[in-house]
C-alpha atoms as a PDB file:
ATOM      1  CA  MET A   1      26.360   0.222 -15.838  1.00  0.00           C
ATOM      2  CA  LEU A   2      23.034  -1.401 -16.691  1.00  0.00           C
ATOM      3  CA  SER A   3      22.924  -4.341 -19.010  1.00  0.00           C
ATOM      4  CA  THR A   4      19.936  -4.802 -21.273  1.00  0.00           C
ATOM      5  CA  GLN A   5      20.649  -8.537 -21.071  1.00  0.00           C
ATOM      6  CA  LYS A   6      19.541  -8.448 -17.423  1.00  0.00           C
ATOM      7  CA  LEU A   7      16.241  -6.706 -18.153  1.00  0.00           C
ATOM      8  CA  PRO A   8      14.212  -9.874 -18.986  1.00  0.00           C
ATOM      9  CA  ALA A   9      15.185 -11.448 -15.652  1.00  0.00           C
ATOM     10  CA  ILE A  10      14.420  -8.273 -13.746  1.00  0.00           C
ATOM     11  CA  ALA A  11      11.164  -7.731 -15.623  1.00  0.00           C
ATOM     12  CA  SER A  12      10.052 -11.273 -14.749  1.00  0.00           C
ATOM     13  CA  LEU A  13       9.953 -10.159 -11.113  1.00  0.00           C
ATOM     14  CA  VAL A  14       7.158  -7.804 -12.113  1.00  0.00           C
ATOM     15  CA  ARG A  15       4.934 -10.702 -13.099  1.00  0.00           C
ATOM     16  CA  ILE A  16       4.734 -11.894  -9.486  1.00  0.00           C
ATOM     17  CA  GLY A  17       1.098 -11.902  -8.507  1.00  0.00           C
ATOM     18  CA  MET A  18      -0.250 -11.066 -11.982  1.00  0.00           C
ATOM     19  CA  GLY A  19      -3.604 -12.671 -12.632  1.00  0.00           C
ATOM     20  CA  ALA A  20      -3.814 -14.154  -9.130  1.00  0.00           C
ATOM     21  CA  THR A  21      -7.050 -14.424  -7.239  1.00  0.00           C
ATOM     22  CA  LYS A  22      -7.505 -13.676  -3.587  1.00  0.00           C
ATOM     23  CA  ARG A  23      -9.712 -15.200  -0.943  1.00  0.00           C
ATOM     24  CA  THR A  24     -10.735 -12.846   1.769  1.00  0.00           C
ATOM     25  CA  VAL A  25     -10.675 -14.373   5.250  1.00  0.00           C
ATOM     26  CA  SER A  26     -11.685 -12.563   8.396  1.00  0.00           C
ATOM     27  CA  PRO A  27      -9.283 -12.495  11.368  1.00  0.00           C
ATOM     28  CA  ARG A  28     -11.499 -15.157  13.003  1.00  0.00           C
ATOM     29  CA  GLY A  29     -11.019 -17.494  10.033  1.00  0.00           C
ATOM     30  CA  GLU A  30     -14.450 -17.118   8.447  1.00  0.00           C
ATOM     31  CA  ARG A  31     -14.216 -17.535   4.708  1.00  0.00           C
ATOM     32  CA  ALA A  32     -15.688 -14.948   2.434  1.00  0.00           C
ATOM     33  CA  ARG A  33     -16.417 -15.465  -1.226  1.00  0.00           C
ATOM     34  CA  PRO A  34     -13.377 -15.383  -3.511  1.00  0.00           C
ATOM     35  CA  ALA A  35     -12.803 -12.101  -5.277  1.00  0.00           C
ATOM     36  CA  GLN A  36     -10.824 -11.273  -8.380  1.00  0.00           C
ATOM     37  CA  LEU A  37      -7.909  -8.883  -7.946  1.00  0.00           C
ATOM     38  CA  PRO A  38      -8.334  -5.679  -9.906  1.00  0.00           C
ATOM     39  CA  PRO A  39      -6.521  -5.639 -13.243  1.00  0.00           C
ATOM     40  CA  PRO A  40      -3.086  -4.015 -13.249  1.00  0.00           C
ATOM     41  CA  ARG A  41      -3.165  -0.349 -14.103  1.00  0.00           C
ATOM     42  CA  ARG A  42      -1.901   0.742 -17.472  1.00  0.00           C
ATOM     43  CA  ARG A  43       1.761   1.553 -17.665  1.00  0.00           C
ATOM     44  CA  ARG A  44       2.509   5.174 -17.050  1.00  0.00           C
ATOM     45  CA  LYS A  45       4.490   7.043 -19.652  1.00  0.00           C
ATOM     46  CA  PRO A  46       7.171   9.499 -18.553  1.00  0.00           C
ATOM     47  CA  GLU A  47       4.998  12.368 -19.732  1.00  0.00           C
ATOM     48  CA  ASP A  48       2.097  11.332 -17.431  1.00  0.00           C
ATOM     49  CA  SER A  49       1.558  14.036 -14.842  1.00  0.00           C
ATOM     50  CA  ALA A  50       0.737  11.842 -11.801  1.00  0.00           C
ATOM     51  CA  VAL A  51       3.805  11.639  -9.586  1.00  0.00           C
ATOM     52  CA  HIS A  52       4.016   9.617  -6.384  1.00  0.00           C
ATOM     53  CA  GLY A  53       5.772  11.057  -3.354  1.00  0.00           C
ATOM     54  CA  PHE A  54       8.560   8.483  -3.470  1.00  0.00           C
ATOM     55  CA  GLU A  55       9.485   9.753  -6.948  1.00  0.00           C
ATOM     56  CA  GLN A  56      10.649  12.984  -5.292  1.00  0.00           C
ATOM     57  CA  THR A  57      13.081  11.241  -2.914  1.00  0.00           C
ATOM     58  CA  PRO A  58      16.799  11.749  -3.527  1.00  0.00           C
ATOM     59  CA  LEU A  59      17.440   8.025  -3.994  1.00  0.00           C
ATOM     60  CA  TRP A  60      14.733   7.613  -6.643  1.00  0.00           C
ATOM     61  CA  ARG A  61      15.789  10.793  -8.443  1.00  0.00           C
ATOM     62  CA  ARG A  62      19.418   9.741  -8.767  1.00  0.00           C
ATOM     63  CA  THR A  63      18.743   6.127  -9.776  1.00  0.00           C
ATOM     64  CA  LEU A  64      15.421   5.583 -11.568  1.00  0.00           C
ATOM     65  CA  ALA A  65      14.068   9.038 -12.418  1.00  0.00           C
ATOM     66  CA  LEU A  66      13.925  10.370 -15.948  1.00  0.00           C
ATOM     67  CA  ARG A  67      17.110  12.233 -16.824  1.00  0.00           C
ATOM     68  CA  SER A  68      18.307  14.393 -19.653  1.00  0.00           C
ATOM     69  CA  THR A  69      18.280  13.115 -23.227  1.00  0.00           C
ATOM     70  CA  ASP A  70      22.050  12.625 -23.153  1.00  0.00           C
ATOM     71  CA  ASP A  71      21.802   9.964 -20.406  1.00  0.00           C
ATOM     72  CA  PRO A  72      23.709   6.926 -21.793  1.00  0.00           C
ATOM     73  CA  GLU A  73      21.519   4.613 -19.653  1.00  0.00           C
ATOM     74  CA  ARG A  74      18.245   6.284 -20.629  1.00  0.00           C
ATOM     75  CA  GLU A  75      16.577   3.231 -22.208  1.00  0.00           C
ATOM     76  CA  PRO A  76      17.446   0.617 -19.546  1.00  0.00           C
ATOM     77  CA  ARG A  77      16.582   3.150 -16.821  1.00  0.00           C
ATOM     78  CA  ALA A  78      13.199   3.781 -18.475  1.00  0.00           C
ATOM     79  CA  HIS A  79      12.514   0.019 -18.633  1.00  0.00           C
ATOM     80  CA  LEU A  80      13.353  -0.411 -14.950  1.00  0.00           C
ATOM     81  CA  ARG A  81      11.303   2.633 -13.937  1.00  0.00           C
ATOM     82  CA  SER A  82       8.294   1.383 -15.901  1.00  0.00           C
ATOM     83  CA  ALA A  83       8.722  -2.139 -14.515  1.00  0.00           C
ATOM     84  CA  TYR A  84       8.880  -0.802 -10.945  1.00  0.00           C
ATOM     85  CA  LEU A  85       5.729   1.281 -11.388  1.00  0.00           C
ATOM     86  CA  GLN A  86       3.900  -1.745 -12.839  1.00  0.00           C
ATOM     87  CA  PHE A  87       5.223  -3.938 -10.015  1.00  0.00           C
ATOM     88  CA  ARG A  88       4.005  -1.348  -7.486  1.00  0.00           C
ATOM     89  CA  SER A  89       0.521  -1.200  -9.005  1.00  0.00           C
ATOM     90  CA  THR A  90       0.323  -5.016  -8.796  1.00  0.00           C
ATOM     91  CA  VAL A  91       1.402  -5.065  -5.144  1.00  0.00           C
ATOM     92  CA  GLU A  92      -0.822  -2.184  -4.011  1.00  0.00           C
ATOM     93  CA  PRO A  93      -4.098  -4.193  -3.655  1.00  0.00           C
ATOM     94  CA  LEU A  94      -2.258  -7.046  -1.917  1.00  0.00           C
ATOM     95  CA  ALA A  95      -0.689  -4.637   0.575  1.00  0.00           C
ATOM     96  CA  ALA A  96      -4.127  -3.150   1.231  1.00  0.00           C
ATOM     97  CA  GLU A  97      -5.327  -6.616   2.313  1.00  0.00           C
ATOM     98  CA  ILE A  98      -2.826  -6.735   5.197  1.00  0.00           C
ATOM     99  CA  SER A  99      -4.913  -4.407   7.370  1.00  0.00           C
ATOM    100  CA  ARG A 100      -7.882  -6.760   6.967  1.00  0.00           C
ATOM    101  CA  SER A 101      -5.847  -9.843   7.888  1.00  0.00           C
ATOM    102  CA  MET A 102      -3.801  -8.183  10.624  1.00  0.00           C
ATOM    103  CA  PRO A 103      -5.816  -5.234  11.988  1.00  0.00           C
ATOM    104  CA  MET A 104      -3.696  -5.064  15.133  1.00  0.00           C
ATOM    105  CA  PHE A 105      -0.570  -4.069  13.172  1.00  0.00           C
ATOM    106  CA  THR A 106       0.538  -0.619  12.072  1.00  0.00           C
ATOM    107  CA  ASP A 107       0.163   0.546   8.477  1.00  0.00           C
ATOM    108  CA  HIS A 108       1.561  -1.894   5.920  1.00  0.00           C
ATOM    109  CA  SER A 109      -0.168  -0.382   2.904  1.00  0.00           C
ATOM    110  CA  ILE A 110       1.537   1.004  -0.178  1.00  0.00           C
ATOM    111  CA  ALA A 111       2.076   4.247   1.791  1.00  0.00           C
ATOM    112  CA  HIS A 112       4.419   2.314   4.119  1.00  0.00           C
ATOM    113  CA  VAL A 113       6.277   0.904   1.119  1.00  0.00           C
ATOM    114  CA  ASP A 114       6.605   4.343  -0.470  1.00  0.00           C
ATOM    115  CA  ALA A 115       7.935   5.799   2.797  1.00  0.00           C
ATOM    116  CA  LEU A 116      10.838   3.330   2.669  1.00  0.00           C
ATOM    117  CA  TRP A 117      12.281   5.308  -0.265  1.00  0.00           C
ATOM    118  CA  ASP A 118      12.649   8.266   2.149  1.00  0.00           C
ATOM    119  CA  THR A 119      14.266   6.058   4.773  1.00  0.00           C
ATOM    120  CA  ALA A 120      16.658   4.548   2.228  1.00  0.00           C
ATOM    121  CA  SER A 121      17.523   8.047   0.966  1.00  0.00           C
ATOM    122  CA  LEU A 122      18.501   9.053   4.497  1.00  0.00           C
ATOM    123  CA  ILE A 123      20.562   5.902   5.048  1.00  0.00           C
ATOM    124  CA  CYS A 124      22.307   5.937   1.662  1.00  0.00           C
ATOM    125  CA  GLY A 125      22.911   9.669   1.507  1.00  0.00           C
ATOM    126  CA  ASP A 126      24.027  11.221  -1.743  1.00  0.00           C
ATOM    127  CA  SER A 127      27.306   9.382  -2.117  1.00  0.00           C
ATOM    128  CA  PHE A 128      26.371   5.708  -1.693  1.00  0.00           C
ATOM    129  CA  PRO A 129      26.939   4.052  -5.085  1.00  0.00           C
ATOM    130  CA  LEU A 130      23.654   2.554  -6.281  1.00  0.00           C
ATOM    131  CA  ASN A 131      22.749   2.055  -9.927  1.00  0.00           C
ATOM    132  CA  ALA A 132      19.267   1.812 -11.436  1.00  0.00           C
ATOM    133  CA  ALA A 133      19.192  -2.009 -11.453  1.00  0.00           C
ATOM    134  CA  GLU A 134      20.187  -2.126  -7.779  1.00  0.00           C
ATOM    135  CA  ALA A 135      17.563   0.523  -6.957  1.00  0.00           C
ATOM    136  CA  PHE A 136      14.939  -1.586  -8.770  1.00  0.00           C
ATOM    137  CA  VAL A 137      15.869  -4.652  -6.704  1.00  0.00           C
ATOM    138  CA  LEU A 138      15.824  -2.570  -3.502  1.00  0.00           C
ATOM    139  CA  GLY A 139      12.417  -1.175  -4.470  1.00  0.00           C
ATOM    140  CA  GLY A 140      11.207  -4.720  -5.175  1.00  0.00           C
ATOM    141  CA  ALA A 141      12.282  -5.716  -1.667  1.00  0.00           C
ATOM    142  CA  PHE A 142      10.312  -2.746  -0.316  1.00  0.00           C
ATOM    143  CA  LEU A 143       7.257  -3.928  -2.251  1.00  0.00           C
ATOM    144  CA  LEU A 144       7.440  -7.584  -1.207  1.00  0.00           C
ATOM    145  CA  HIS A 145       8.759  -7.506   2.355  1.00  0.00           C
ATOM    146  CA  ASP A 146       5.380  -7.444   4.170  1.00  0.00           C
ATOM    147  CA  LEU A 147       3.065  -9.195   1.706  1.00  0.00           C
ATOM    148  CA  GLY A 148       3.237 -12.507   3.574  1.00  0.00           C
ATOM    149  CA  MET A 149       1.330 -10.857   6.436  1.00  0.00           C
ATOM    150  CA  GLY A 150      -1.890 -10.794   4.418  1.00  0.00           C
ATOM    151  CA  LEU A 151      -4.052 -13.877   3.989  1.00  0.00           C
ATOM    152  CA  ALA A 152      -4.450 -12.919   0.322  1.00  0.00           C
ATOM    153  CA  SER A 153      -0.884 -14.205  -0.106  1.00  0.00           C
ATOM    154  CA  TYR A 154      -1.941 -17.757   0.745  1.00  0.00           C
ATOM    155  CA  SER A 155      -3.996 -19.519  -1.908  1.00  0.00           C
ATOM    156  CA  GLY A 156      -5.431 -21.963   0.636  1.00  0.00           C
ATOM    157  CA  GLY A 157      -6.371 -19.217   3.075  1.00  0.00           C
ATOM    158  CA  LEU A 158      -6.397 -19.689   6.838  1.00  0.00           C
ATOM    159  CA  ALA A 159      -7.043 -23.443   6.600  1.00  0.00           C
ATOM    160  CA  ALA A 160      -3.817 -23.971   4.636  1.00  0.00           C
ATOM    161  CA  ILE A 161      -1.863 -22.000   7.217  1.00  0.00           C
ATOM    162  CA  GLU A 162      -3.369 -23.923  10.150  1.00  0.00           C
ATOM    163  CA  ASN A 163      -2.687 -27.260   8.402  1.00  0.00           C
ATOM    164  CA  ASP A 164       0.982 -26.435   7.841  1.00  0.00           C
ATOM    165  CA  PRO A 165       3.195 -28.771   9.934  1.00  0.00           C
ATOM    166  CA  GLN A 166       5.028 -25.778  11.438  1.00  0.00           C
ATOM    167  CA  PHE A 167       1.844 -23.977  12.506  1.00  0.00           C
ATOM    168  CA  GLU A 168       1.588 -25.426  16.038  1.00  0.00           C
ATOM    169  CA  ASP A 169       5.233 -24.590  16.844  1.00  0.00           C
ATOM    170  CA  LEU A 170       4.898 -21.066  15.444  1.00  0.00           C
ATOM    171  CA  LEU A 171       1.662 -20.503  17.356  1.00  0.00           C
ATOM    172  CA  ALA A 172       3.269 -21.701  20.612  1.00  0.00           C
ATOM    173  CA  SER A 173       6.224 -19.368  20.008  1.00  0.00           C
ATOM    174  CA  ALA A 174       3.905 -16.411  19.283  1.00  0.00           C
ATOM    175  CA  LEU A 175       1.827 -17.117  22.390  1.00  0.00           C
ATOM    176  CA  ALA A 176       4.990 -17.290  24.513  1.00  0.00           C
ATOM    177  CA  ARG A 177       6.095 -13.893  23.121  1.00  0.00           C
ATOM    178  CA  LEU A 178       2.674 -12.405  23.912  1.00  0.00           C
ATOM    179  CA  GLN A 179       2.878 -13.748  27.455  1.00  0.00           C
ATOM    180  CA  ARG A 180       6.352 -12.278  27.949  1.00  0.00           C
ATOM    181  CA  THR A 181       4.960  -8.916  26.797  1.00  0.00           C
ATOM    182  CA  ASP A 182       1.997  -9.146  29.197  1.00  0.00           C
ATOM    183  CA  PRO A 183       2.711 -11.677  32.019  1.00  0.00           C
ATOM    184  CA  SER A 184      -0.876 -11.360  33.305  1.00  0.00           C
ATOM    185  CA  ALA A 185      -2.218 -12.859  30.062  1.00  0.00           C
ATOM    186  CA  ARG A 186      -3.127 -16.540  30.295  1.00  0.00           C
ATOM    187  CA  GLY A 187      -4.117 -19.439  28.030  1.00  0.00           C
ATOM    188  CA  ALA A 188      -7.540 -18.848  26.484  1.00  0.00           C
ATOM    189  CA  ALA A 189      -7.158 -15.050  26.541  1.00  0.00           C
ATOM    190  CA  LEU A 190      -3.886 -15.343  24.640  1.00  0.00           C
ATOM    191  CA  GLU A 191      -5.416 -17.657  22.051  1.00  0.00           C
ATOM    192  CA  ARG A 192      -8.373 -15.298  21.586  1.00  0.00           C
ATOM    193  CA  SER A 193      -5.943 -12.417  21.231  1.00  0.00           C
ATOM    194  CA  ALA A 194      -3.826 -14.280  18.694  1.00  0.00           C
ATOM    195  CA  SER A 195      -6.821 -15.250  16.594  1.00  0.00           C
ATOM    196  CA  SER A 196      -8.855 -12.045  16.804  1.00  0.00           C
ATOM    197  CA  GLY A 197      -6.153  -9.402  16.755  1.00  0.00           C
ATOM    198  CA  ASP A 198      -7.194  -7.969  20.144  1.00  0.00           C
ATOM    199  CA  ARG A 199      -4.612  -7.277  22.794  1.00  0.00           C
ATOM    200  CA  PRO A 200      -4.745  -9.562  25.890  1.00  0.00           C
END
């Protein structure tokens, strides 16, 4: 059962990233001019006709979708649904930045996030007990799980990452993993690959 007392805490998760600015940095570390994130989209009302693919998944439909008027959890469910859609619209431009920061990786855009609702539907099946609040938290994890891959997530950009005390150890570990993947790769080629996104 949902508690309306929990809604303010859950809704505060939605504010993550609101009003933030981003600094675009190329994979080679060249700084571009700072750009303002687009404003969050207006909240959708249940009667709006635009429906995202994830809203048709079994998991979404049984946890956060609009139900009949006799749904005893109608109001809290509507708050969580609206909060998730707002959260998603805030995350979407940040997720789009990942392909610019990490061009060598597979898709990590909002389409990837939305596809996780299908995957979760398959894993959970129809009988796994999940309420609307739990589905909101799961959806929030879907939205946030890859955002750290984009340089837009770091206010200091590439310089802040490189100045982090753990950077040298993490770089050495990443280079060792690359070398295990391709034993013919050596020193400078690995560093170029790590910094440019090219394969060795």
